[in-house]
């Protein structure tokens, strides 16, 4: 029962961490593109 009660919180925590990682990855990609654009032109 204790594991079942903790499971949803653990899953939501994993989803939250995954979203944060995706946001960081997207931010890094945008930063890399912005730095590459001046070099391309």
PDB file of N, CA and C in Angstrom:
ATOM      1  N   UNK A   1       0.839  -1.204   0.000  1.00  0.00           N
ATOM      2  CA  UNK A   1       0.000   0.000   0.000  1.00  0.00           C
ATOM      3  C   UNK A   1       0.876   1.258   0.000  1.00  0.00           C
ATOM      4  N   UNK A   2       1.948   1.210   0.793  1.00  0.00           N
ATOM      5  CA  UNK A   2       2.817   2.389   0.868  1.00  0.00           C
ATOM      6  C   UNK A   2       3.464   2.649  -0.493  1.00  0.00           C
ATOM      7  N   UNK A   3       3.902   1.581  -1.157  1.00  0.00           N
ATOM      8  CA  UNK A   3       4.516   1.747  -2.474  1.00  0.00           C
ATOM      9  C   UNK A   3       3.507   2.313  -3.460  1.00  0.00           C
ATOM     10  N   UNK A   4       2.265   1.803  -3.395  1.00  0.00           N
ATOM     11  CA  UNK A   4       1.238   2.286  -4.312  1.00  0.00           C
ATOM     12  C   UNK A   4       0.928   3.757  -4.061  1.00  0.00           C
ATOM     13  N   UNK A   5       1.004   4.173  -2.791  1.00  0.00           N
ATOM     14  CA  UNK A   5       0.717   5.571  -2.476  1.00  0.00           C
ATOM     15  C   UNK A   5       1.851   6.474  -2.952  1.00  0.00           C
ATOM     16  N   UNK A   6       3.073   5.979  -2.877  1.00  0.00           N
ATOM     17  CA  UNK A   6       4.217   6.800  -3.275  1.00  0.00           C
ATOM     18  C   UNK A   6       4.429   6.795  -4.788  1.00  0.00           C
ATOM     19  N   UNK A   7       3.921   5.791  -5.452  1.00  0.00           N
ATOM     20  CA  UNK A   7       4.164   5.639  -6.886  1.00  0.00           C
ATOM     21  C   UNK A   7       3.718   6.860  -7.692  1.00  0.00           C
ATOM     22  N   UNK A   8       2.492   7.362  -7.531  1.00  0.00           N
ATOM     23  CA  UNK A   8       2.068   8.523  -8.326  1.00  0.00           C
ATOM     24  C   UNK A   8       2.978   9.731  -8.117  1.00  0.00           C
ATOM     25  N   UNK A   9       3.397   9.964  -6.880  1.00  0.00           N
ATOM     26  CA  UNK A   9       4.276  11.102  -6.623  1.00  0.00           C
ATOM     27  C   UNK A   9       5.612  10.910  -7.330  1.00  0.00           C
ATOM     28  N   UNK A  10       6.109   9.687  -7.308  1.00  0.00           N
ATOM     29  CA  UNK A  10       7.379   9.395  -7.968  1.00  0.00           C
ATOM     30  C   UNK A  10       7.258   9.618  -9.470  1.00  0.00           C
ATOM     31  N   UNK A  11       6.131   9.184 -10.051  1.00  0.00           N
ATOM     32  CA  UNK A  11       5.926   9.347 -11.495  1.00  0.00           C
ATOM     33  C   UNK A  11       5.813  10.829 -11.843  1.00  0.00           C
ATOM     34  N   UNK A  12       5.046  11.586 -11.053  1.00  0.00           N
ATOM     35  CA  UNK A  12       4.894  13.010 -11.343  1.00  0.00           C
ATOM     36  C   UNK A  12       6.235  13.717 -11.195  1.00  0.00           C
ATOM     37  N   UNK A  13       7.056  13.265 -10.240  1.00  0.00           N
ATOM     38  CA  UNK A  13       8.374  13.871 -10.068  1.00  0.00           C
ATOM     39  C   UNK A  13       9.241  13.578 -11.288  1.00  0.00           C
ATOM     40  N   UNK A  14       9.161  12.348 -11.804  1.00  0.00           N
ATOM     41  CA  UNK A  14       9.929  12.001 -13.002  1.00  0.00           C
ATOM     42  C   UNK A  14       9.461  12.837 -14.182  1.00  0.00           C
ATOM     43  N   UNK A  15       8.137  12.973 -14.343  1.00  0.00           N
ATOM     44  CA  UNK A  15       7.605  13.767 -15.448  1.00  0.00           C
ATOM     45  C   UNK A  15       8.060  15.216 -15.322  1.00  0.00           C
ATOM     46  N   UNK A  16       8.068  15.734 -14.096  1.00  0.00           N
ATOM     47  CA  UNK A  16       8.495  17.117 -13.878  1.00  0.00           C
ATOM     48  C   UNK A  16       9.960  17.282 -14.262  1.00  0.00           C
ATOM     49  N   UNK A  17      10.806  16.322 -13.846  1.00  0.00           N
ATOM     50  CA  UNK A  17      12.226  16.385 -14.193  1.00  0.00           C
ATOM     51  C   UNK A  17      12.418  16.279 -15.704  1.00  0.00           C
ATOM     52  N   UNK A  18      11.623  15.427 -16.358  1.00  0.00           N
ATOM     53  CA  UNK A  18      11.735  15.275 -17.807  1.00  0.00           C
ATOM     54  C   UNK A  18      11.346  16.570 -18.503  1.00  0.00           C
ATOM     55  N   UNK A  19      10.310  17.240 -18.002  1.00  0.00           N
ATOM     56  CA  UNK A  19       9.898  18.508 -18.616  1.00  0.00           C
ATOM     57  C   UNK A  19      10.979  19.550 -18.442  1.00  0.00           C
ATOM     58  N   UNK A  20      11.571  19.598 -17.258  1.00  0.00           N
ATOM     59  CA  UNK A  20      12.652  20.559 -17.029  1.00  0.00           C
ATOM     60  C   UNK A  20      13.812  20.280 -17.974  1.00  0.00           C
ATOM     61  N   UNK A  21      14.149  19.004 -18.149  1.00  0.00           N
ATOM     62  CA  UNK A  21      15.256  18.644 -19.034  1.00  0.00           C
ATOM     63  C   UNK A  21      14.936  19.026 -20.475  1.00  0.00           C
ATOM     64  N   UNK A  22      13.674  18.813 -20.892  1.00  0.00           N
ATOM     65  CA  UNK A  22      13.284  19.177 -22.255  1.00  0.00           C
ATOM     66  C   UNK A  22      13.370  20.684 -22.445  1.00  0.00           C
ATOM     67  N   UNK A  23      12.955  21.449 -21.418  1.00  0.00           N
ATOM     68  CA  UNK A  23      13.042  22.905 -21.518  1.00  0.00           C
ATOM     69  C   UNK A  23      14.498  23.341 -21.617  1.00  0.00           C
ATOM     70  N   UNK A  24      15.366  22.720 -20.815  1.00  0.00           N
ATOM     71  CA  UNK A  24      16.785  23.064 -20.868  1.00  0.00           C
ATOM     72  C   UNK A  24      17.369  22.720 -22.225  1.00  0.00           C
ATOM     73  N   UNK A  25      17.003  21.569 -22.765  1.00  0.00           N
ATOM     74  CA  UNK A  25      17.515  21.161 -24.076  1.00  0.00           C
ATOM     75  C   UNK A  25      17.057  22.133 -25.150  1.00  0.00           C
ATOM     76  N   UNK A  26      15.785  22.525 -25.105  1.00  0.00           N
ATOM     77  CA  UNK A  26      15.260  23.462 -26.100  1.00  0.00           C
ATOM     78  C   UNK A  26      15.975  24.803 -25.969  1.00  0.00           C
ATOM     79  N   UNK A  27      16.216  25.240 -24.739  1.00  0.00           N
ATOM     80  CA  UNK A  27      16.900  26.512 -24.526  1.00  0.00           C
ATOM     81  C   UNK A  27      18.322  26.446 -25.065  1.00  0.00           C
ATOM     82  N   UNK A  28      19.001  25.341 -24.817  1.00  0.00           N
ATOM     83  CA  UNK A  28      20.371  25.183 -25.311  1.00  0.00           C
ATOM     84  C   UNK A  28      20.398  25.145 -26.832  1.00  0.00           C
ATOM     85  N   UNK A  29      19.405  24.479 -27.435  1.00  0.00           N
ATOM     86  CA  UNK A  29      19.356  24.427 -28.899  1.00  0.00           C
ATOM     87  C   UNK A  29      19.153  25.819 -29.472  1.00  0.00           C
ATOM     88  N   UNK A  30      18.251  26.592 -28.868  1.00  0.00           N
ATOM     89  CA  UNK A  30      18.016  27.949 -29.355  1.00  0.00           C
ATOM     90  C   UNK A  30      19.282  28.785 -29.219  1.00  0.00           C
ATOM     91  N   UNK A  31      19.998  28.603 -28.098  1.00  0.00           N
ATOM     92  CA  UNK A  31      21.215  29.385 -27.890  1.00  0.00           C
ATOM     93  C   UNK A  31      22.272  28.989 -28.907  1.00  0.00           C
ATOM     94  N   UNK A  32      22.383  27.686 -29.192  1.00  0.00           N
ATOM     95  CA  UNK A  32      23.371  27.237 -30.178  1.00  0.00           C
ATOM     96  C   UNK A  32      23.018  27.762 -31.564  1.00  0.00           C
ATOM     97  N   UNK A  33      21.723  27.739 -31.909  1.00  0.00           N
ATOM     98  CA  UNK A  33      21.316  28.248 -33.226  1.00  0.00           C
ATOM     99  C   UNK A  33      21.603  29.733 -33.331  1.00  0.00           C
ATOM    100  N   UNK A  34      21.327  30.479 -32.254  1.00  0.00           N
ATOM    101  CA  UNK A  34      21.536  31.928 -32.296  1.00  0.00           C
ATOM    102  C   UNK A  34      23.021  32.239 -32.445  1.00  0.00           C
ATOM    103  N   UNK A  35      23.886  31.384 -31.895  1.00  0.00           N
ATOM    104  CA  UNK A  35      25.324  31.628 -32.032  1.00  0.00           C
ATOM    105  C   UNK A  35      25.815  31.169 -33.396  1.00  0.00           C
ATOM    106  N   UNK A  36      25.142  30.195 -33.993  1.00  0.00           N
ATOM    107  CA  UNK A  36      25.566  29.693 -35.298  1.00  0.00           C
ATOM    108  C   UNK A  36      25.071  30.583 -36.432  1.00  0.00           C
ATOM    109  N   UNK A  37      23.963  31.269 -36.230  1.00  0.00           N
ATOM    110  CA  UNK A  37      23.403  32.106 -37.291  1.00  0.00           C
ATOM    111  C   UNK A  37      24.374  33.203 -37.748  1.00  0.00           C
ATOM    112  N   UNK A  38      24.970  33.952 -36.842  1.00  0.00           N
ATOM    113  CA  UNK A  38      25.906  34.992 -37.308  1.00  0.00           C
ATOM    114  C   UNK A  38      27.081  34.411 -38.089  1.00  0.00           C
ATOM    115  N   UNK A  39      27.540  33.228 -37.714  1.00  0.00           N
ATOM    116  CA  UNK A  39      28.657  32.612 -38.421  1.00  0.00           C
ATOM    117  C   UNK A  39      28.232  32.182 -39.819  1.00  0.00           C
ATOM    118  N   UNK A  40      26.981  31.740 -39.975  1.00  0.00           N
ATOM    119  CA  UNK A  40      26.501  31.300 -41.282  1.00  0.00           C
ATOM    120  C   UNK A  40      26.389  32.491 -42.219  1.00  0.00           C
ATOM    121  N   UNK A  41      25.941  33.619 -41.679  1.00  0.00           N
ATOM    122  CA  UNK A  41      25.800  34.804 -42.514  1.00  0.00           C
ATOM    123  C   UNK A  41      27.127  35.532 -42.484  1.00  0.00           C
TER     124      UNK A  41
END
